[in-house]
Amino acid sequence: MEFATDNELMAYYKRYAKQEGFGVITQRTKREADGRVKYLAIGCARGGKYQPRDSNMSRLRPTIKIDCKAKINAHLVKGTWVVTTVENDHNHSTVSPQKSRFFRSHKYLDEYSQRFLDLNDRAGIRMNKNFRALVVDASGFENLDFQEKDCQNFIDKARQLILGKGGGEALTEYFKRMRLQNNGFVYVIDVDEELRLRNVFWADAYSRATYEYFRDIISFDTTYLTNRYGMPFAPFVGVNHHRQSILLGARLILSEDTSTFVWLFQAWLECMDGQAPKAIITDQDRAMKAAIALVFLDTRHRYCLWHIMLKLPEKLGSHAAFNAGLKTSI
């Protein structure tokens, strides 16, 4: 078979993979001296072998890689992409075409849906209602190439605190003035290439001094408050000897993924002279859990009991014994 462009080749193989029930990745490419791609290998997402980056066997991550050989190879010949070899056999079972849409390679949030989500988010409509409207519009879940989580990820990336031209420098100047008033004031800001704010962290001298005495255990909560720009505010909170809550730093961040939490925890740790807390309490967030394991190596991590109890009606409310003693016992 021949294709005019590599995009057409990829689109064709994705349609085939979706029909057969497996995910797709680009396994290998070769380029000319001028950067143009001349060779392409597209195959099953379970192809290849997992190469761990960490030699610590206890930290090995789960993987789907089982060296599946299903793939196609194609070369660029006189401006046309020509398929040279094809391997269709898998060393694993595949799924039904109806379930293929859950593979990452087959997920696609179209422009109409993006616009719909963005406008409704600006109007303050919750994500579950937005997604439900898209499901109704498509006449069912099975007709969508994305899930509610993909919609939430899109909105998280779209929410950016646009400060305007030079706004990043303006915020820096404000923090500098704060530092002149408070010698121990520390701040870290993260802006993109267009000077749009992505992440902010700050702590004053009182927070830093207090932490030296009360760093046994801290709480970190991202569900406390969200500002008008959709950036979650989360304080680092400790408890003093009078059982009073004390502020140990605060932050505003754009997204709640592992890399952002790693950036935040490293900034906070550097601010506190590298002294990690003995224990930290958070909600049940996987990205946060992964970041804590990377930054606070010797810190005990526990889940917040309040968040756990809050989920009881959602998780167990349909149980016959929930209101007949189970809730009280728990």
C-alpha atoms as a PDB file:
ATOM      1  CA  MET A   1       0.000   0.000   0.000  1.00  0.00           C
ATOM      2  CA  GLU A   2       1.070   3.608  -0.592  1.00  0.00           C
ATOM      3  CA  PHE A   3       0.182   6.834   1.207  1.00  0.00           C
ATOM      4  CA  ALA A   4       0.737  10.485   0.323  1.00  0.00           C
ATOM      5  CA  THR A   5       1.864  11.503   3.843  1.00  0.00           C
ATOM      6  CA  ASP A   6       2.949   9.873   7.086  1.00  0.00           C
ATOM      7  CA  ASN A   7      -0.181  11.312   8.746  1.00  0.00           C
ATOM      8  CA  GLU A   8      -2.390   9.399   6.318  1.00  0.00           C
ATOM      9  CA  LEU A   9      -0.399   6.232   7.044  1.00  0.00           C
ATOM     10  CA  MET A  10      -0.815   6.688  10.799  1.00  0.00           C
ATOM     11  CA  ALA A  11      -4.547   7.446  10.467  1.00  0.00           C
ATOM     12  CA  TYR A  12      -5.080   4.292   8.396  1.00  0.00           C
ATOM     13  CA  TYR A  13      -3.218   2.054  10.866  1.00  0.00           C
ATOM     14  CA  LYS A  14      -5.100   3.588  13.802  1.00  0.00           C
ATOM     15  CA  ARG A  15      -8.418   2.777  12.142  1.00  0.00           C
ATOM     16  CA  TYR A  16      -7.252  -0.800  11.634  1.00  0.00           C
ATOM     17  CA  ALA A  17      -5.990  -1.044  15.243  1.00  0.00           C
ATOM     18  CA  LYS A  18      -9.258   0.324  16.643  1.00  0.00           C
ATOM     19  CA  GLN A  19     -11.182  -2.252  14.640  1.00  0.00           C
ATOM     20  CA  GLU A  20      -8.903  -5.089  15.819  1.00  0.00           C
ATOM     21  CA  GLY A  21      -8.806  -3.943  19.464  1.00  0.00           C
ATOM     22  CA  PHE A  22      -5.258  -2.767  20.295  1.00  0.00           C
ATOM     23  CA  GLY A  23      -3.422   0.490  20.926  1.00  0.00           C
ATOM     24  CA  VAL A  24      -0.806   2.063  18.640  1.00  0.00           C
ATOM     25  CA  ILE A  25       2.539   3.826  19.099  1.00  0.00           C
ATOM     26  CA  THR A  26       5.309   5.026  16.792  1.00  0.00           C
ATOM     27  CA  GLN A  27       8.082   2.572  17.583  1.00  0.00           C
ATOM     28  CA  ARG A  28      10.917   3.925  15.452  1.00  0.00           C
ATOM     29  CA  THR A  29      11.763   6.692  12.981  1.00  0.00           C
ATOM     30  CA  LYS A  30      14.776   7.590  10.849  1.00  0.00           C
ATOM     31  CA  ARG A  31      15.435  11.050   9.450  1.00  0.00           C
ATOM     32  CA  GLU A  32      17.357  12.612   6.613  1.00  0.00           C
ATOM     33  CA  ALA A  33      20.131  15.126   7.265  1.00  0.00           C
ATOM     34  CA  ASP A  34      17.597  17.928   6.734  1.00  0.00           C
ATOM     35  CA  GLY A  35      15.295  16.491   9.420  1.00  0.00           C
ATOM     36  CA  ARG A  36      12.707  14.895   7.139  1.00  0.00           C
ATOM     37  CA  VAL A  37      11.430  11.460   8.218  1.00  0.00           C
ATOM     38  CA  LYS A  38      12.441   8.733   5.733  1.00  0.00           C
ATOM     39  CA  TYR A  39      11.547   5.554   7.690  1.00  0.00           C
ATOM     40  CA  LEU A  40       8.671   4.819  10.043  1.00  0.00           C
ATOM     41  CA  ALA A  41       7.723   1.825  12.185  1.00  0.00           C
ATOM     42  CA  ILE A  42       4.229   1.874  13.682  1.00  0.00           C
ATOM     43  CA  GLY A  43       3.147  -0.950  15.948  1.00  0.00           C
ATOM     44  CA  CYS A  44       1.190  -2.281  18.875  1.00  0.00           C
ATOM     45  CA  ALA A  45       1.434  -0.218  22.055  1.00  0.00           C
ATOM     46  CA  ARG A  46       2.535  -3.375  23.895  1.00  0.00           C
ATOM     47  CA  GLY A  47       5.584  -3.753  21.662  1.00  0.00           C
ATOM     48  CA  GLY A  48       9.119  -3.374  22.984  1.00  0.00           C
ATOM     49  CA  LYS A  49      10.545  -4.159  26.391  1.00  0.00           C
ATOM     50  CA  TYR A  50      10.407  -2.123  29.588  1.00  0.00           C
ATOM     51  CA  GLN A  51      13.760  -0.590  30.506  1.00  0.00           C
ATOM     52  CA  PRO A  52      13.657   0.544  34.161  1.00  0.00           C
ATOM     53  CA  ARG A  53      15.474   3.807  34.930  1.00  0.00           C
ATOM     54  CA  ASP A  54      15.800   2.994  38.618  1.00  0.00           C
ATOM     55  CA  SER A  55      18.035   0.123  39.712  1.00  0.00           C
ATOM     56  CA  ASN A  56      16.000  -0.212  42.922  1.00  0.00           C
ATOM     57  CA  MET A  57      13.799  -3.268  42.313  1.00  0.00           C
ATOM     58  CA  SER A  58      11.220  -2.075  44.869  1.00  0.00           C
ATOM     59  CA  ARG A  59      10.487   0.988  42.730  1.00  0.00           C
ATOM     60  CA  LEU A  60       9.839  -0.741  39.420  1.00  0.00           C
ATOM     61  CA  ARG A  61       6.718   0.603  37.725  1.00  0.00           C
ATOM     62  CA  PRO A  62       4.021  -1.649  36.251  1.00  0.00           C
ATOM     63  CA  THR A  63       4.259  -1.890  32.471  1.00  0.00           C
ATOM     64  CA  ILE A  64       2.190  -3.086  29.515  1.00  0.00           C
ATOM     65  CA  LYS A  65       5.298  -3.781  27.400  1.00  0.00           C
ATOM     66  CA  ILE A  66       5.534  -7.496  26.516  1.00  0.00           C
ATOM     67  CA  ASP A  67       7.521  -7.282  23.268  1.00  0.00           C
ATOM     68  CA  CYS A  68       4.534  -7.704  20.939  1.00  0.00           C
ATOM     69  CA  LYS A  69       5.771  -7.942  17.324  1.00  0.00           C
ATOM     70  CA  ALA A  70       2.652  -6.619  15.550  1.00  0.00           C
ATOM     71  CA  LYS A  71       3.708  -3.613  13.423  1.00  0.00           C
ATOM     72  CA  ILE A  72       4.146  -2.155   9.947  1.00  0.00           C
ATOM     73  CA  ASN A  73       7.281  -0.613   8.411  1.00  0.00           C
ATOM     74  CA  ALA A  74       7.186   2.084   5.741  1.00  0.00           C
ATOM     75  CA  HIS A  75       9.798   3.986   3.687  1.00  0.00           C
ATOM     76  CA  LEU A  76       9.561   7.307   1.895  1.00  0.00           C
ATOM     77  CA  VAL A  77      10.147   6.570  -1.802  1.00  0.00           C
ATOM     78  CA  LYS A  78      10.119   9.530  -4.223  1.00  0.00           C
ATOM     79  CA  GLY A  79       7.755  11.495  -2.023  1.00  0.00           C
ATOM     80  CA  THR A  80       5.372   8.591  -1.351  1.00  0.00           C
ATOM     81  CA  TRP A  81       5.141   6.446   1.764  1.00  0.00           C
ATOM     82  CA  VAL A  82       5.358   2.756   0.812  1.00  0.00           C
ATOM     83  CA  VAL A  83       4.518  -0.021   3.283  1.00  0.00           C
ATOM     84  CA  THR A  84       7.347  -2.560   3.082  1.00  0.00           C
ATOM     85  CA  THR A  85       6.630  -5.144   5.800  1.00  0.00           C
ATOM     86  CA  VAL A  86       3.559  -6.074   7.851  1.00  0.00           C
ATOM     87  CA  GLU A  87       3.239  -8.233  10.981  1.00  0.00           C
ATOM     88  CA  ASN A  88      -0.315  -8.748  12.231  1.00  0.00           C
ATOM     89  CA  ASP A  89       0.112 -11.427  14.929  1.00  0.00           C
ATOM     90  CA  HIS A  90      -0.022 -10.399  18.605  1.00  0.00           C
ATOM     91  CA  ASN A  91       1.388 -12.313  21.582  1.00  0.00           C
ATOM     92  CA  HIS A  92      -1.529 -11.185  23.766  1.00  0.00           C
ATOM     93  CA  SER A  93      -5.304 -11.009  23.586  1.00  0.00           C
ATOM     94  CA  THR A  94      -6.996  -7.965  22.079  1.00  0.00           C
ATOM     95  CA  VAL A  95     -10.233  -6.239  23.108  1.00  0.00           C
ATOM     96  CA  SER A  96     -13.508  -5.677  21.311  1.00  0.00           C
ATOM     97  CA  PRO A  97     -13.824  -2.706  18.900  1.00  0.00           C
ATOM     98  CA  GLN A  98     -16.244  -1.088  21.374  1.00  0.00           C
ATOM     99  CA  LYS A  99     -13.535  -1.007  24.061  1.00  0.00           C
ATOM    100  CA  SER A 100     -10.734   0.156  21.749  1.00  0.00           C
ATOM    101  CA  ARG A 101     -11.692   3.773  22.374  1.00  0.00           C
ATOM    102  CA  PHE A 102     -10.205   3.525  25.871  1.00  0.00           C
ATOM    103  CA  PHE A 103      -6.656   3.161  24.500  1.00  0.00           C
ATOM    104  CA  ARG A 104      -4.647   6.371  24.668  1.00  0.00           C
ATOM    105  CA  SER A 105      -3.838   6.307  20.936  1.00  0.00           C
ATOM    106  CA  HIS A 106      -7.539   6.226  20.026  1.00  0.00           C
ATOM    107  CA  LYS A 107      -8.645   9.039  22.329  1.00  0.00           C
ATOM    108  CA  TYR A 108      -9.399  12.314  20.587  1.00  0.00           C
ATOM    109  CA  LEU A 109     -11.056  15.460  21.922  1.00  0.00           C
ATOM    110  CA  ASP A 110     -12.391  17.234  18.849  1.00  0.00           C
ATOM    111  CA  GLU A 111     -12.440  21.011  18.355  1.00  0.00           C
ATOM    112  CA  TYR A 112     -16.207  21.287  18.894  1.00  0.00           C
ATOM    113  CA  SER A 113     -15.992  19.527  22.264  1.00  0.00           C
ATOM    114  CA  GLN A 114     -13.007  21.630  23.301  1.00  0.00           C
ATOM    115  CA  ARG A 115     -14.883  24.835  22.535  1.00  0.00           C
ATOM    116  CA  PHE A 116     -17.987  23.540  24.323  1.00  0.00           C
ATOM    117  CA  LEU A 117     -16.008  22.638  27.458  1.00  0.00           C
ATOM    118  CA  ASP A 118     -14.090  25.906  27.497  1.00  0.00           C
ATOM    119  CA  LEU A 119     -17.209  28.100  27.195  1.00  0.00           C
ATOM    120  CA  ASN A 120     -19.121  26.167  29.854  1.00  0.00           C
ATOM    121  CA  ASP A 121     -16.129  26.182  32.212  1.00  0.00           C
ATOM    122  CA  ARG A 122     -15.916  29.971  31.922  1.00  0.00           C
ATOM    123  CA  ALA A 123     -19.626  30.101  32.752  1.00  0.00           C
ATOM    124  CA  GLY A 124     -18.986  28.098  35.925  1.00  0.00           C
ATOM    125  CA  ILE A 125     -20.740  24.892  34.857  1.00  0.00           C
ATOM    126  CA  ARG A 126     -19.353  21.795  36.567  1.00  0.00           C
ATOM    127  CA  MET A 127     -17.447  19.163  34.616  1.00  0.00           C
ATOM    128  CA  ASN A 128     -19.877  16.299  35.297  1.00  0.00           C
ATOM    129  CA  LYS A 129     -22.724  18.313  33.737  1.00  0.00           C
ATOM    130  CA  ASN A 130     -20.550  19.334  30.772  1.00  0.00           C
ATOM    131  CA  PHE A 131     -19.583  15.742  30.070  1.00  0.00           C
ATOM    132  CA  ARG A 132     -23.163  14.528  30.453  1.00  0.00           C
ATOM    133  CA  ALA A 133     -24.269  17.081  27.862  1.00  0.00           C
ATOM    134  CA  LEU A 134     -21.624  15.814  25.418  1.00  0.00           C
ATOM    135  CA  VAL A 135     -22.782  12.228  25.995  1.00  0.00           C
ATOM    136  CA  VAL A 136     -26.378  13.181  25.213  1.00  0.00           C
ATOM    137  CA  ASP A 137     -25.253  15.139  22.154  1.00  0.00           C
ATOM    138  CA  ALA A 138     -23.350  12.072  20.865  1.00  0.00           C
ATOM    139  CA  SER A 139     -26.267   9.721  21.675  1.00  0.00           C
ATOM    140  CA  GLY A 140     -24.287   7.630  24.140  1.00  0.00           C
ATOM    141  CA  PHE A 141     -20.904   7.046  25.780  1.00  0.00           C
ATOM    142  CA  GLU A 142     -19.894   4.564  23.090  1.00  0.00           C
ATOM    143  CA  ASN A 143     -19.945   7.303  20.440  1.00  0.00           C
ATOM    144  CA  LEU A 144     -17.354   9.470  22.206  1.00  0.00           C
ATOM    145  CA  ASP A 145     -13.619   9.133  21.607  1.00  0.00           C
ATOM    146  CA  PHE A 146     -12.798  10.500  25.058  1.00  0.00           C
ATOM    147  CA  GLN A 147     -13.754  10.144  28.716  1.00  0.00           C
ATOM    148  CA  GLU A 148     -14.616  12.608  31.469  1.00  0.00           C
ATOM    149  CA  LYS A 149     -11.019  12.481  32.729  1.00  0.00           C
ATOM    150  CA  ASP A 150      -9.767  13.637  29.311  1.00  0.00           C
ATOM    151  CA  CYS A 151     -12.156  16.594  29.465  1.00  0.00           C
ATOM    152  CA  GLN A 152     -10.878  17.499  32.932  1.00  0.00           C
ATOM    153  CA  ASN A 153      -7.263  17.288  31.740  1.00  0.00           C
ATOM    154  CA  PHE A 154      -8.086  19.631  28.842  1.00  0.00           C
ATOM    155  CA  ILE A 155      -9.649  22.199  31.169  1.00  0.00           C
ATOM    156  CA  ASP A 156      -6.717  21.960  33.599  1.00  0.00           C
ATOM    157  CA  LYS A 157      -4.294  22.781  30.788  1.00  0.00           C
ATOM    158  CA  ALA A 158      -6.517  25.530  29.397  1.00  0.00           C
ATOM    159  CA  ARG A 159      -6.801  27.305  32.735  1.00  0.00           C
ATOM    160  CA  GLN A 160      -3.926  29.707  32.808  1.00  0.00           C
ATOM    161  CA  LEU A 161      -3.656  32.927  34.752  1.00  0.00           C
ATOM    162  CA  ILE A 162      -3.034  35.336  31.862  1.00  0.00           C
ATOM    163  CA  LEU A 163      -1.310  38.316  33.416  1.00  0.00           C
ATOM    164  CA  GLY A 164      -0.987  40.286  30.202  1.00  0.00           C
ATOM    165  CA  LYS A 165       2.207  41.590  28.646  1.00  0.00           C
ATOM    166  CA  GLY A 166       4.905  41.863  31.291  1.00  0.00           C
ATOM    167  CA  GLY A 167       2.599  40.429  33.957  1.00  0.00           C
ATOM    168  CA  GLY A 168       5.168  37.867  35.056  1.00  0.00           C
ATOM    169  CA  GLU A 169       7.669  40.645  35.774  1.00  0.00           C
ATOM    170  CA  ALA A 170       4.963  42.617  37.622  1.00  0.00           C
ATOM    171  CA  LEU A 171       4.322  39.724  39.978  1.00  0.00           C
ATOM    172  CA  THR A 172       8.063  39.324  40.522  1.00  0.00           C
ATOM    173  CA  GLU A 173       8.317  43.010  41.443  1.00  0.00           C
ATOM    174  CA  TYR A 174       5.471  42.594  43.927  1.00  0.00           C
ATOM    175  CA  PHE A 175       7.231  39.693  45.624  1.00  0.00           C
ATOM    176  CA  LYS A 176      10.450  41.718  45.706  1.00  0.00           C
ATOM    177  CA  ARG A 177       8.647  44.481  47.591  1.00  0.00           C
ATOM    178  CA  MET A 178       7.331  41.877  50.026  1.00  0.00           C
ATOM    179  CA  ARG A 179      10.868  40.656  50.554  1.00  0.00           C
ATOM    180  CA  LEU A 180      12.058  44.169  51.397  1.00  0.00           C
ATOM    181  CA  GLN A 181       9.422  44.312  54.140  1.00  0.00           C
ATOM    182  CA  ASN A 182      10.200  40.789  55.351  1.00  0.00           C
ATOM    183  CA  ASN A 183      13.809  39.596  55.085  1.00  0.00           C
ATOM    184  CA  GLY A 184      12.837  35.951  55.394  1.00  0.00           C
ATOM    185  CA  PHE A 185      10.183  36.076  52.674  1.00  0.00           C
ATOM    186  CA  VAL A 186      10.795  33.414  50.008  1.00  0.00           C
ATOM    187  CA  TYR A 187       8.980  32.981  46.704  1.00  0.00           C
ATOM    188  CA  VAL A 188       9.272  30.875  43.571  1.00  0.00           C
ATOM    189  CA  ILE A 189       7.253  31.563  40.422  1.00  0.00           C
ATOM    190  CA  ASP A 190       7.010  29.571  37.209  1.00  0.00           C
ATOM    191  CA  VAL A 191       5.941  31.256  33.949  1.00  0.00           C
ATOM    192  CA  ASP A 192       5.837  29.980  30.378  1.00  0.00           C
ATOM    193  CA  GLU A 193       7.532  31.527  27.347  1.00  0.00           C
ATOM    194  CA  GLU A 194       4.658  34.000  26.953  1.00  0.00           C
ATOM    195  CA  LEU A 195       5.032  35.147  30.575  1.00  0.00           C
ATOM    196  CA  ARG A 196       1.793  33.509  31.656  1.00  0.00           C
ATOM    197  CA  LEU A 197       1.788  32.338  35.239  1.00  0.00           C
ATOM    198  CA  ARG A 198       1.765  28.583  35.788  1.00  0.00           C
ATOM    199  CA  ASN A 199       2.811  27.988  39.399  1.00  0.00           C
ATOM    200  CA  VAL A 200       3.556  30.159  42.436  1.00  0.00           C
ATOM    201  CA  PHE A 201       4.931  29.265  45.862  1.00  0.00           C
ATOM    202  CA  TRP A 202       5.667  31.581  48.780  1.00  0.00           C
ATOM    203  CA  ALA A 203       6.439  31.506  52.521  1.00  0.00           C
ATOM    204  CA  ASP A 204       7.326  34.260  54.982  1.00  0.00           C
ATOM    205  CA  ALA A 205       9.876  34.393  57.802  1.00  0.00           C
ATOM    206  CA  TYR A 206       7.310  33.447  60.466  1.00  0.00           C
ATOM    207  CA  SER A 207       6.326  30.273  58.597  1.00  0.00           C
ATOM    208  CA  ARG A 208       9.954  29.261  58.140  1.00  0.00           C
ATOM    209  CA  ALA A 209      10.856  29.917  61.786  1.00  0.00           C
ATOM    210  CA  THR A 210       7.776  28.108  63.076  1.00  0.00           C
ATOM    211  CA  TYR A 211       8.549  25.057  60.940  1.00  0.00           C
ATOM    212  CA  GLU A 212      11.850  24.525  62.767  1.00  0.00           C
ATOM    213  CA  TYR A 213       9.903  23.751  65.950  1.00  0.00           C
ATOM    214  CA  PHE A 214       6.770  22.080  64.569  1.00  0.00           C
ATOM    215  CA  ARG A 215       7.813  19.957  61.612  1.00  0.00           C
ATOM    216  CA  ASP A 216       6.761  16.608  63.067  1.00  0.00           C
ATOM    217  CA  ILE A 217       3.731  16.398  60.797  1.00  0.00           C
ATOM    218  CA  ILE A 218       2.199  18.622  58.115  1.00  0.00           C
ATOM    219  CA  SER A 219      -1.023  18.589  56.151  1.00  0.00           C
ATOM    220  CA  PHE A 220      -1.282  19.469  52.464  1.00  0.00           C
ATOM    221  CA  ASP A 221      -4.762  20.013  51.049  1.00  0.00           C
ATOM    222  CA  THR A 222      -5.573  20.948  47.436  1.00  0.00           C
ATOM    223  CA  THR A 223      -9.363  21.008  47.952  1.00  0.00           C
ATOM    224  CA  TYR A 224      -9.440  24.064  50.213  1.00  0.00           C
ATOM    225  CA  LEU A 225     -10.013  26.866  47.736  1.00  0.00           C
ATOM    226  CA  THR A 226      -9.824  27.682  44.012  1.00  0.00           C
ATOM    227  CA  ASN A 227      -9.273  31.247  42.838  1.00  0.00           C
ATOM    228  CA  ARG A 228     -11.117  33.061  40.033  1.00  0.00           C
ATOM    229  CA  TYR A 229      -8.576  31.802  37.481  1.00  0.00           C
ATOM    230  CA  GLY A 230      -9.241  28.160  38.304  1.00  0.00           C
ATOM    231  CA  MET A 231      -5.893  27.715  40.074  1.00  0.00           C
ATOM    232  CA  PRO A 232      -6.217  25.599  43.255  1.00  0.00           C
ATOM    233  CA  PHE A 233      -4.808  27.188  46.412  1.00  0.00           C
ATOM    234  CA  ALA A 234      -3.279  24.796  48.902  1.00  0.00           C
ATOM    235  CA  PRO A 235      -1.537  25.655  52.156  1.00  0.00           C
ATOM    236  CA  PHE A 236       1.115  23.651  53.978  1.00  0.00           C
ATOM    237  CA  VAL A 237      -0.349  23.461  57.486  1.00  0.00           C
ATOM    238  CA  GLY A 238       1.152  22.275  60.763  1.00  0.00           C
ATOM    239  CA  VAL A 239      -0.001  22.144  64.404  1.00  0.00           C
ATOM    240  CA  ASN A 240       1.723  23.855  67.333  1.00  0.00           C
ATOM    241  CA  HIS A 241       1.875  22.854  71.017  1.00  0.00           C
ATOM    242  CA  HIS A 242      -1.484  24.580  71.656  1.00  0.00           C
ATOM    243  CA  ARG A 243      -3.121  22.375  68.979  1.00  0.00           C
ATOM    244  CA  GLN A 244      -3.560  25.427  66.768  1.00  0.00           C
ATOM    245  CA  SER A 245      -3.147  25.284  62.991  1.00  0.00           C
ATOM    246  CA  ILE A 246      -0.094  27.152  61.708  1.00  0.00           C
ATOM    247  CA  LEU A 247       0.623  28.193  58.119  1.00  0.00           C
ATOM    248  CA  LEU A 248       3.940  26.843  56.787  1.00  0.00           C
ATOM    249  CA  GLY A 249       3.741  28.083  53.196  1.00  0.00           C
ATOM    250  CA  ALA A 250       1.238  28.284  50.353  1.00  0.00           C
ATOM    251  CA  ARG A 251       0.960  27.848  46.621  1.00  0.00           C
ATOM    252  CA  LEU A 252      -1.166  28.382  43.506  1.00  0.00           C
ATOM    253  CA  ILE A 253      -0.651  25.881  40.708  1.00  0.00           C
ATOM    254  CA  LEU A 254      -2.073  25.427  37.227  1.00  0.00           C
ATOM    255  CA  SER A 255      -2.368  21.648  37.086  1.00  0.00           C
ATOM    256  CA  GLU A 256      -2.266  18.809  39.591  1.00  0.00           C
ATOM    257  CA  ASP A 257       0.076  16.333  37.915  1.00  0.00           C
ATOM    258  CA  THR A 258       3.150  14.600  39.325  1.00  0.00           C
ATOM    259  CA  SER A 259       5.716  16.939  37.703  1.00  0.00           C
ATOM    260  CA  THR A 260       3.965  20.021  39.153  1.00  0.00           C
ATOM    261  CA  PHE A 261       3.829  18.515  42.653  1.00  0.00           C
ATOM    262  CA  VAL A 262       7.511  17.543  42.407  1.00  0.00           C
ATOM    263  CA  TRP A 263       8.343  21.167  41.481  1.00  0.00           C
ATOM    264  CA  LEU A 264       6.271  22.431  44.409  1.00  0.00           C
ATOM    265  CA  PHE A 265       7.618  20.036  47.043  1.00  0.00           C
ATOM    266  CA  GLN A 266      11.213  20.677  45.968  1.00  0.00           C
ATOM    267  CA  ALA A 267      10.652  24.453  46.182  1.00  0.00           C
ATOM    268  CA  TRP A 268       9.112  24.092  49.638  1.00  0.00           C
ATOM    269  CA  LEU A 269      11.889  21.766  50.843  1.00  0.00           C
ATOM    270  CA  GLU A 270      14.566  24.192  49.647  1.00  0.00           C
ATOM    271  CA  CYS A 271      12.740  27.027  51.415  1.00  0.00           C
ATOM    272  CA  MET A 272      12.803  25.017  54.657  1.00  0.00           C
ATOM    273  CA  ASP A 273      16.584  24.439  54.410  1.00  0.00           C
ATOM    274  CA  GLY A 274      16.178  20.858  53.199  1.00  0.00           C
ATOM    275  CA  GLN A 275      14.435  19.644  56.374  1.00  0.00           C
ATOM    276  CA  ALA A 276      11.695  17.230  55.350  1.00  0.00           C
ATOM    277  CA  PRO A 277       8.735  16.646  57.689  1.00  0.00           C
ATOM    278  CA  LYS A 278       8.506  13.396  59.606  1.00  0.00           C
ATOM    279  CA  ALA A 279       5.000  12.776  58.241  1.00  0.00           C
ATOM    280  CA  ILE A 280       2.599  14.332  55.738  1.00  0.00           C
ATOM    281  CA  ILE A 281      -1.191  13.989  55.457  1.00  0.00           C
ATOM    282  CA  THR A 282      -2.907  14.478  52.074  1.00  0.00           C
ATOM    283  CA  ASP A 283      -6.030  13.477  50.202  1.00  0.00           C
ATOM    284  CA  GLN A 284      -6.018  10.356  48.014  1.00  0.00           C
ATOM    285  CA  ASP A 285      -4.338  11.839  44.932  1.00  0.00           C
ATOM    286  CA  ARG A 286      -2.114   9.479  42.912  1.00  0.00           C
ATOM    287  CA  ALA A 287      -0.020  12.258  41.385  1.00  0.00           C
ATOM    288  CA  MET A 288       0.641  13.715  44.833  1.00  0.00           C
ATOM    289  CA  LYS A 289       1.507  10.274  46.226  1.00  0.00           C
ATOM    290  CA  ALA A 290       4.081   9.728  43.454  1.00  0.00           C
ATOM    291  CA  ALA A 291       5.639  13.169  44.013  1.00  0.00           C
ATOM    292  CA  ILE A 292       5.925  12.627  47.775  1.00  0.00           C
ATOM    293  CA  ALA A 293       7.748   9.333  47.167  1.00  0.00           C
ATOM    294  CA  LEU A 294      10.244  11.139  44.912  1.00  0.00           C
ATOM    295  CA  VAL A 295      10.906  14.223  47.086  1.00  0.00           C
ATOM    296  CA  PHE A 296      10.218  13.242  50.729  1.00  0.00           C
ATOM    297  CA  LEU A 297      12.142   9.967  50.784  1.00  0.00           C
ATOM    298  CA  ASP A 298      12.003   9.322  54.542  1.00  0.00           C
ATOM    299  CA  THR A 299       8.634  10.928  55.256  1.00  0.00           C
ATOM    300  CA  ARG A 300       5.620   8.858  56.274  1.00  0.00           C
ATOM    301  CA  HIS A 301       2.636   9.516  54.008  1.00  0.00           C
ATOM    302  CA  ARG A 302      -0.894   9.074  55.332  1.00  0.00           C
ATOM    303  CA  TYR A 303      -4.328   9.804  53.846  1.00  0.00           C
ATOM    304  CA  CYS A 304      -6.615  12.374  55.447  1.00  0.00           C
ATOM    305  CA  LEU A 305      -9.373  10.716  57.491  1.00  0.00           C
ATOM    306  CA  TRP A 306     -11.810  13.552  56.760  1.00  0.00           C
ATOM    307  CA  HIS A 307     -11.557  12.903  53.001  1.00  0.00           C
ATOM    308  CA  ILE A 308     -12.002   9.164  53.534  1.00  0.00           C
ATOM    309  CA  MET A 309     -15.128   9.639  55.666  1.00  0.00           C
ATOM    310  CA  LEU A 310     -16.490  12.102  53.120  1.00  0.00           C
ATOM    311  CA  LYS A 311     -16.466   9.357  50.472  1.00  0.00           C
ATOM    312  CA  LEU A 312     -18.357   6.813  52.569  1.00  0.00           C
ATOM    313  CA  PRO A 313     -21.863   7.683  51.271  1.00  0.00           C
ATOM    314  CA  GLU A 314     -20.578   7.693  47.677  1.00  0.00           C
ATOM    315  CA  LYS A 315     -18.785   4.349  47.933  1.00  0.00           C
ATOM    316  CA  LEU A 316     -21.007   2.454  50.382  1.00  0.00           C
ATOM    317  CA  GLY A 317     -24.324   4.325  50.293  1.00  0.00           C
ATOM    318  CA  SER A 318     -25.963   1.672  48.116  1.00  0.00           C
ATOM    319  CA  HIS A 319     -25.057  -1.106  50.572  1.00  0.00           C
ATOM    320  CA  ALA A 320     -28.112  -2.518  52.327  1.00  0.00           C
ATOM    321  CA  ALA A 321     -26.527  -2.221  55.771  1.00  0.00           C
ATOM    322  CA  PHE A 322     -25.130   1.298  55.328  1.00  0.00           C
ATOM    323  CA  ASN A 323     -27.893   3.055  57.282  1.00  0.00           C
ATOM    324  CA  ALA A 324     -28.550   0.046  59.485  1.00  0.00           C
ATOM    325  CA  GLY A 325     -25.394   0.220  61.599  1.00  0.00           C
ATOM    326  CA  LEU A 326     -22.551   0.024  59.080  1.00  0.00           C
ATOM    327  CA  LYS A 327     -22.045   3.801  58.920  1.00  0.00           C
ATOM    328  CA  THR A 328     -22.058   4.090  62.711  1.00  0.00           C
ATOM    329  CA  SER A 329     -19.604   1.197  63.110  1.00  0.00           C
ATOM    330  CA  ILE A 330     -17.151   2.734  60.652  1.00  0.00           C
END
